[in-house]
């Protein structure tokens, strides 16, 4: 149900898709958040990128290794607002490392 809206031409629908994973994150399920974040990785719509970064940050609380893997693969091309939100809870050294890749 989330993957169709994540591919919508409407940014509001894409944003709703990633935001709806918050319910799953609160149950410790990170799979859909990371899968949708892959779909939305290059989307630079400001509110969507911010929401995606926030959901990644929350997913990272449960699975830090998976967040770091996502960042390793996408930091160079991710919108800056997504990157800043996603790294908010990382150590300062890690934040500097990923921000160095930001566009």
N, C-alpha and C. Protein backbone atom coordinates (compact mmCIF):
# COMPACT_ATOMS: atom_id res chain seq x y z
N UNK A 1 0.80 -1.20 0.00
CA UNK A 1 0.00 0.00 0.00
C UNK A 1 0.85 1.27 0.00
N UNK A 2 2.05 1.21 0.51
CA UNK A 2 2.89 2.40 0.59
C UNK A 2 3.72 2.63 -0.68
N UNK A 3 3.97 1.57 -1.41
CA UNK A 3 4.89 1.67 -2.54
C UNK A 3 4.28 2.37 -3.75
N UNK A 4 2.99 2.24 -3.96
CA UNK A 4 2.33 2.97 -5.04
C UNK A 4 2.42 4.47 -4.84
N UNK A 5 1.97 4.97 -3.68
CA UNK A 5 2.09 6.41 -3.44
C UNK A 5 3.53 6.92 -3.44
N UNK A 6 4.49 6.07 -3.09
CA UNK A 6 5.90 6.49 -3.08
C UNK A 6 6.40 6.79 -4.50
N UNK A 7 5.72 6.24 -5.48
CA UNK A 7 6.10 6.47 -6.88
C UNK A 7 5.16 7.46 -7.58
N UNK A 8 4.29 8.09 -6.82
CA UNK A 8 3.33 9.03 -7.38
C UNK A 8 4.03 10.27 -7.93
N UNK A 9 3.45 10.91 -8.94
CA UNK A 9 4.01 12.17 -9.42
C UNK A 9 3.75 13.32 -8.44
N UNK A 10 2.85 13.11 -7.49
CA UNK A 10 2.51 14.16 -6.52
C UNK A 10 3.41 14.06 -5.29
N UNK A 11 4.14 15.12 -4.98
CA UNK A 11 5.03 15.07 -3.82
C UNK A 11 4.30 14.81 -2.50
N UNK A 12 3.05 15.28 -2.39
CA UNK A 12 2.29 15.06 -1.15
C UNK A 12 2.06 13.56 -0.93
N UNK A 13 1.78 12.83 -1.99
CA UNK A 13 1.55 11.39 -1.85
C UNK A 13 2.84 10.66 -1.51
N UNK A 14 3.94 11.08 -2.12
CA UNK A 14 5.24 10.46 -1.80
C UNK A 14 5.59 10.72 -0.33
N UNK A 15 5.31 11.93 0.13
CA UNK A 15 5.60 12.28 1.52
C UNK A 15 4.74 11.47 2.50
N UNK A 16 3.48 11.30 2.18
CA UNK A 16 2.58 10.51 3.02
C UNK A 16 3.08 9.07 3.11
N UNK A 17 3.55 8.53 1.99
CA UNK A 17 4.02 7.14 1.97
C UNK A 17 5.16 6.94 2.97
N UNK A 18 6.16 7.80 2.93
CA UNK A 18 7.30 7.63 3.85
C UNK A 18 6.89 7.95 5.28
N UNK A 19 6.04 8.94 5.47
CA UNK A 19 5.62 9.30 6.82
C UNK A 19 4.82 8.18 7.48
N UNK A 20 4.05 7.45 6.71
CA UNK A 20 3.24 6.36 7.27
C UNK A 20 4.09 5.24 7.84
N UNK A 21 5.36 5.19 7.51
CA UNK A 21 6.22 4.15 8.08
C UNK A 21 6.53 4.43 9.55
N UNK A 22 6.21 5.61 10.03
CA UNK A 22 6.45 5.93 11.45
C UNK A 22 5.74 4.93 12.36
N UNK A 23 4.54 4.55 11.99
CA UNK A 23 3.81 3.56 12.79
C UNK A 23 4.60 2.24 12.85
N UNK A 24 5.15 1.83 11.74
CA UNK A 24 5.95 0.60 11.71
C UNK A 24 7.24 0.76 12.51
N UNK A 25 7.85 1.92 12.41
CA UNK A 25 9.09 2.17 13.15
C UNK A 25 8.87 2.06 14.65
N UNK A 26 7.74 2.54 15.10
CA UNK A 26 7.43 2.47 16.54
C UNK A 26 7.25 1.04 17.02
N UNK A 27 7.06 0.12 16.06
CA UNK A 27 6.96 -1.30 16.38
C UNK A 27 8.28 -2.03 16.12
N UNK A 28 9.32 -1.26 15.79
CA UNK A 28 10.64 -1.84 15.56
C UNK A 28 10.84 -2.40 14.16
N UNK A 29 9.94 -2.09 13.23
CA UNK A 29 10.04 -2.59 11.86
C UNK A 29 10.61 -1.51 10.95
N UNK A 30 11.81 -1.74 10.44
CA UNK A 30 12.49 -0.72 9.65
C UNK A 30 12.53 -1.01 8.15
N UNK A 31 12.15 -2.20 7.75
CA UNK A 31 12.28 -2.62 6.35
C UNK A 31 11.62 -1.65 5.38
N UNK A 32 10.37 -1.32 5.60
CA UNK A 32 9.65 -0.46 4.65
C UNK A 32 10.23 0.94 4.62
N UNK A 33 10.68 1.44 5.75
CA UNK A 33 11.26 2.79 5.77
C UNK A 33 12.49 2.84 4.88
N UNK A 34 13.38 1.87 5.03
CA UNK A 34 14.58 1.87 4.21
C UNK A 34 14.28 1.61 2.74
N UNK A 35 13.31 0.74 2.46
CA UNK A 35 12.94 0.46 1.08
C UNK A 35 12.36 1.70 0.40
N UNK A 36 11.47 2.40 1.11
CA UNK A 36 10.89 3.62 0.53
C UNK A 36 11.94 4.72 0.41
N UNK A 37 12.85 4.80 1.38
CA UNK A 37 13.91 5.81 1.31
C UNK A 37 14.80 5.58 0.09
N UNK A 38 14.98 4.33 -0.30
CA UNK A 38 15.73 4.04 -1.52
C UNK A 38 15.00 4.60 -2.74
N UNK A 39 13.70 4.42 -2.78
CA UNK A 39 12.90 4.93 -3.89
C UNK A 39 12.96 6.45 -3.94
N UNK A 40 12.96 7.08 -2.77
CA UNK A 40 12.88 8.54 -2.68
C UNK A 40 14.24 9.22 -2.52
N UNK A 41 15.32 8.47 -2.59
CA UNK A 41 16.66 8.98 -2.28
C UNK A 41 17.03 10.25 -3.05
N UNK A 42 16.69 10.33 -4.30
CA UNK A 42 17.09 11.48 -5.10
C UNK A 42 16.05 12.57 -5.21
N UNK A 43 14.93 12.41 -4.53
CA UNK A 43 13.84 13.38 -4.63
C UNK A 43 14.20 14.61 -3.81
N UNK A 44 14.31 15.76 -4.48
CA UNK A 44 14.75 16.96 -3.76
C UNK A 44 13.62 17.92 -3.41
N UNK A 45 12.38 17.46 -3.47
CA UNK A 45 11.27 18.27 -2.99
C UNK A 45 11.52 18.51 -1.49
N UNK A 46 11.55 19.75 -1.06
CA UNK A 46 12.00 20.11 0.28
C UNK A 46 11.28 19.36 1.40
N UNK A 47 9.96 19.39 1.41
CA UNK A 47 9.23 18.74 2.50
C UNK A 47 9.37 17.22 2.45
N UNK A 48 9.43 16.67 1.27
CA UNK A 48 9.60 15.22 1.12
C UNK A 48 10.99 14.80 1.59
N UNK A 49 12.01 15.52 1.19
CA UNK A 49 13.37 15.19 1.61
C UNK A 49 13.51 15.30 3.13
N UNK A 50 12.91 16.31 3.71
CA UNK A 50 12.95 16.49 5.16
C UNK A 50 12.27 15.33 5.88
N UNK A 51 11.11 14.94 5.39
CA UNK A 51 10.37 13.83 6.01
C UNK A 51 11.14 12.52 5.84
N UNK A 52 11.69 12.29 4.67
CA UNK A 52 12.46 11.07 4.44
C UNK A 52 13.66 11.01 5.38
N UNK A 53 14.35 12.12 5.52
CA UNK A 53 15.49 12.17 6.44
C UNK A 53 15.07 11.91 7.87
N UNK A 54 13.94 12.46 8.27
CA UNK A 54 13.44 12.24 9.63
C UNK A 54 13.08 10.79 9.88
N UNK A 55 12.48 10.16 8.90
CA UNK A 55 12.12 8.74 9.05
C UNK A 55 13.38 7.87 9.07
N UNK A 56 14.38 8.24 8.29
CA UNK A 56 15.66 7.52 8.34
C UNK A 56 16.31 7.68 9.72
N UNK A 57 16.26 8.89 10.25
CA UNK A 57 16.82 9.13 11.59
C UNK A 57 16.14 8.23 12.61
N UNK A 58 14.81 8.14 12.54
CA UNK A 58 14.07 7.29 13.48
C UNK A 58 14.40 5.81 13.26
N UNK A 59 14.52 5.40 12.01
CA UNK A 59 14.88 4.01 11.71
C UNK A 59 16.28 3.69 12.24
N UNK A 60 17.15 4.67 12.20
CA UNK A 60 18.51 4.49 12.69
C UNK A 60 18.58 4.26 14.19
N UNK A 61 17.57 4.66 14.91
CA UNK A 61 17.53 4.38 16.35
C UNK A 61 17.37 2.89 16.61
N UNK A 62 16.73 2.18 15.68
CA UNK A 62 16.53 0.74 15.80
C UNK A 62 17.65 -0.03 15.11
N UNK A 63 18.09 0.45 13.96
CA UNK A 63 19.10 -0.26 13.18
C UNK A 63 20.14 0.73 12.66
N UNK A 64 21.10 1.06 13.52
CA UNK A 64 22.13 2.05 13.18
C UNK A 64 22.97 1.59 11.99
N UNK A 65 23.31 0.32 11.95
CA UNK A 65 24.15 -0.20 10.87
C UNK A 65 23.47 0.00 9.51
N UNK A 66 22.19 -0.22 9.47
CA UNK A 66 21.46 -0.07 8.21
C UNK A 66 21.39 1.40 7.80
N UNK A 67 21.24 2.30 8.76
CA UNK A 67 21.26 3.73 8.45
C UNK A 67 22.62 4.12 7.87
N UNK A 68 23.68 3.68 8.50
CA UNK A 68 25.02 4.01 8.01
C UNK A 68 25.25 3.44 6.62
N UNK A 69 24.75 2.24 6.36
CA UNK A 69 24.87 1.66 5.03
C UNK A 69 24.12 2.51 4.01
N UNK A 70 22.91 2.93 4.36
CA UNK A 70 22.13 3.80 3.47
C UNK A 70 22.91 5.09 3.19
N UNK A 71 23.45 5.68 4.23
CA UNK A 71 24.18 6.93 4.06
C UNK A 71 25.45 6.73 3.23
N UNK A 72 26.14 5.63 3.44
CA UNK A 72 27.34 5.35 2.65
C UNK A 72 27.02 5.31 1.15
N UNK A 73 25.87 4.76 0.81
CA UNK A 73 25.48 4.62 -0.59
C UNK A 73 24.84 5.87 -1.17
N UNK A 74 24.21 6.70 -0.34
CA UNK A 74 23.40 7.80 -0.87
C UNK A 74 23.83 9.21 -0.46
N UNK A 75 24.76 9.35 0.45
CA UNK A 75 25.10 10.68 0.96
C UNK A 75 25.59 11.63 -0.13
N UNK A 76 26.29 11.10 -1.11
CA UNK A 76 26.85 11.96 -2.16
C UNK A 76 25.78 12.59 -3.05
N UNK A 77 24.63 11.94 -3.16
CA UNK A 77 23.59 12.45 -4.08
C UNK A 77 22.31 12.85 -3.36
N UNK A 78 22.21 12.58 -2.08
CA UNK A 78 20.99 12.90 -1.34
C UNK A 78 20.84 14.41 -1.18
N UNK A 79 19.60 14.90 -1.20
CA UNK A 79 19.39 16.32 -0.91
C UNK A 79 19.93 16.67 0.47
N UNK A 80 20.49 17.82 0.59
CA UNK A 80 21.14 18.25 1.85
C UNK A 80 20.18 18.18 3.03
N UNK A 81 18.93 18.56 2.84
CA UNK A 81 17.96 18.56 3.94
C UNK A 81 17.70 17.13 4.41
N UNK A 82 17.66 16.16 3.50
CA UNK A 82 17.50 14.76 3.88
C UNK A 82 18.70 14.32 4.71
N UNK A 83 19.87 14.64 4.22
CA UNK A 83 21.11 14.25 4.90
C UNK A 83 21.18 14.84 6.30
N UNK A 84 20.89 16.11 6.43
CA UNK A 84 20.95 16.75 7.76
C UNK A 84 19.98 16.13 8.75
N UNK A 85 18.77 15.82 8.30
CA UNK A 85 17.79 15.20 9.19
C UNK A 85 18.21 13.78 9.57
N UNK A 86 18.72 13.02 8.61
CA UNK A 86 19.07 11.62 8.85
C UNK A 86 20.24 11.48 9.82
N UNK A 87 21.17 12.42 9.81
CA UNK A 87 22.39 12.29 10.63
C UNK A 87 22.29 12.98 11.99
N UNK A 88 21.16 13.53 12.28
CA UNK A 88 21.00 14.35 13.49
C UNK A 88 21.45 13.67 14.77
N UNK A 89 21.24 12.36 14.90
CA UNK A 89 21.59 11.67 16.14
C UNK A 89 22.92 10.93 16.07
N UNK A 90 23.68 11.15 15.02
CA UNK A 90 24.99 10.51 14.92
C UNK A 90 26.02 11.32 15.71
N UNK A 91 27.15 10.70 15.95
CA UNK A 91 28.25 11.39 16.62
C UNK A 91 28.77 12.52 15.73
N UNK A 92 29.31 13.58 16.33
CA UNK A 92 29.79 14.72 15.52
C UNK A 92 30.76 14.33 14.41
N UNK A 93 31.64 13.39 14.68
CA UNK A 93 32.59 12.95 13.68
C UNK A 93 31.88 12.30 12.48
N UNK A 94 30.89 11.48 12.77
CA UNK A 94 30.13 10.83 11.71
C UNK A 94 29.33 11.86 10.92
N UNK A 95 28.76 12.83 11.61
CA UNK A 95 27.99 13.88 10.92
C UNK A 95 28.90 14.63 9.94
N UNK A 96 30.09 15.01 10.39
CA UNK A 96 31.02 15.72 9.51
C UNK A 96 31.39 14.86 8.30
N UNK A 97 31.59 13.58 8.54
CA UNK A 97 31.94 12.66 7.46
C UNK A 97 30.86 12.65 6.38
N UNK A 98 29.61 12.49 6.77
CA UNK A 98 28.53 12.43 5.77
C UNK A 98 28.23 13.79 5.14
N UNK A 99 28.35 14.85 5.90
CA UNK A 99 28.12 16.17 5.32
C UNK A 99 29.17 16.52 4.26
N UNK A 100 30.35 15.95 4.38
CA UNK A 100 31.40 16.19 3.39
C UNK A 100 31.00 15.64 2.02
N UNK A 101 30.10 14.64 2.00
CA UNK A 101 29.65 14.06 0.75
C UNK A 101 28.47 14.81 0.15
N UNK A 102 27.75 15.57 0.97
CA UNK A 102 26.52 16.23 0.52
C UNK A 102 26.76 17.15 -0.66
N UNK A 103 25.72 17.26 -1.50
CA UNK A 103 25.86 18.12 -2.68
C UNK A 103 25.53 19.54 -2.37
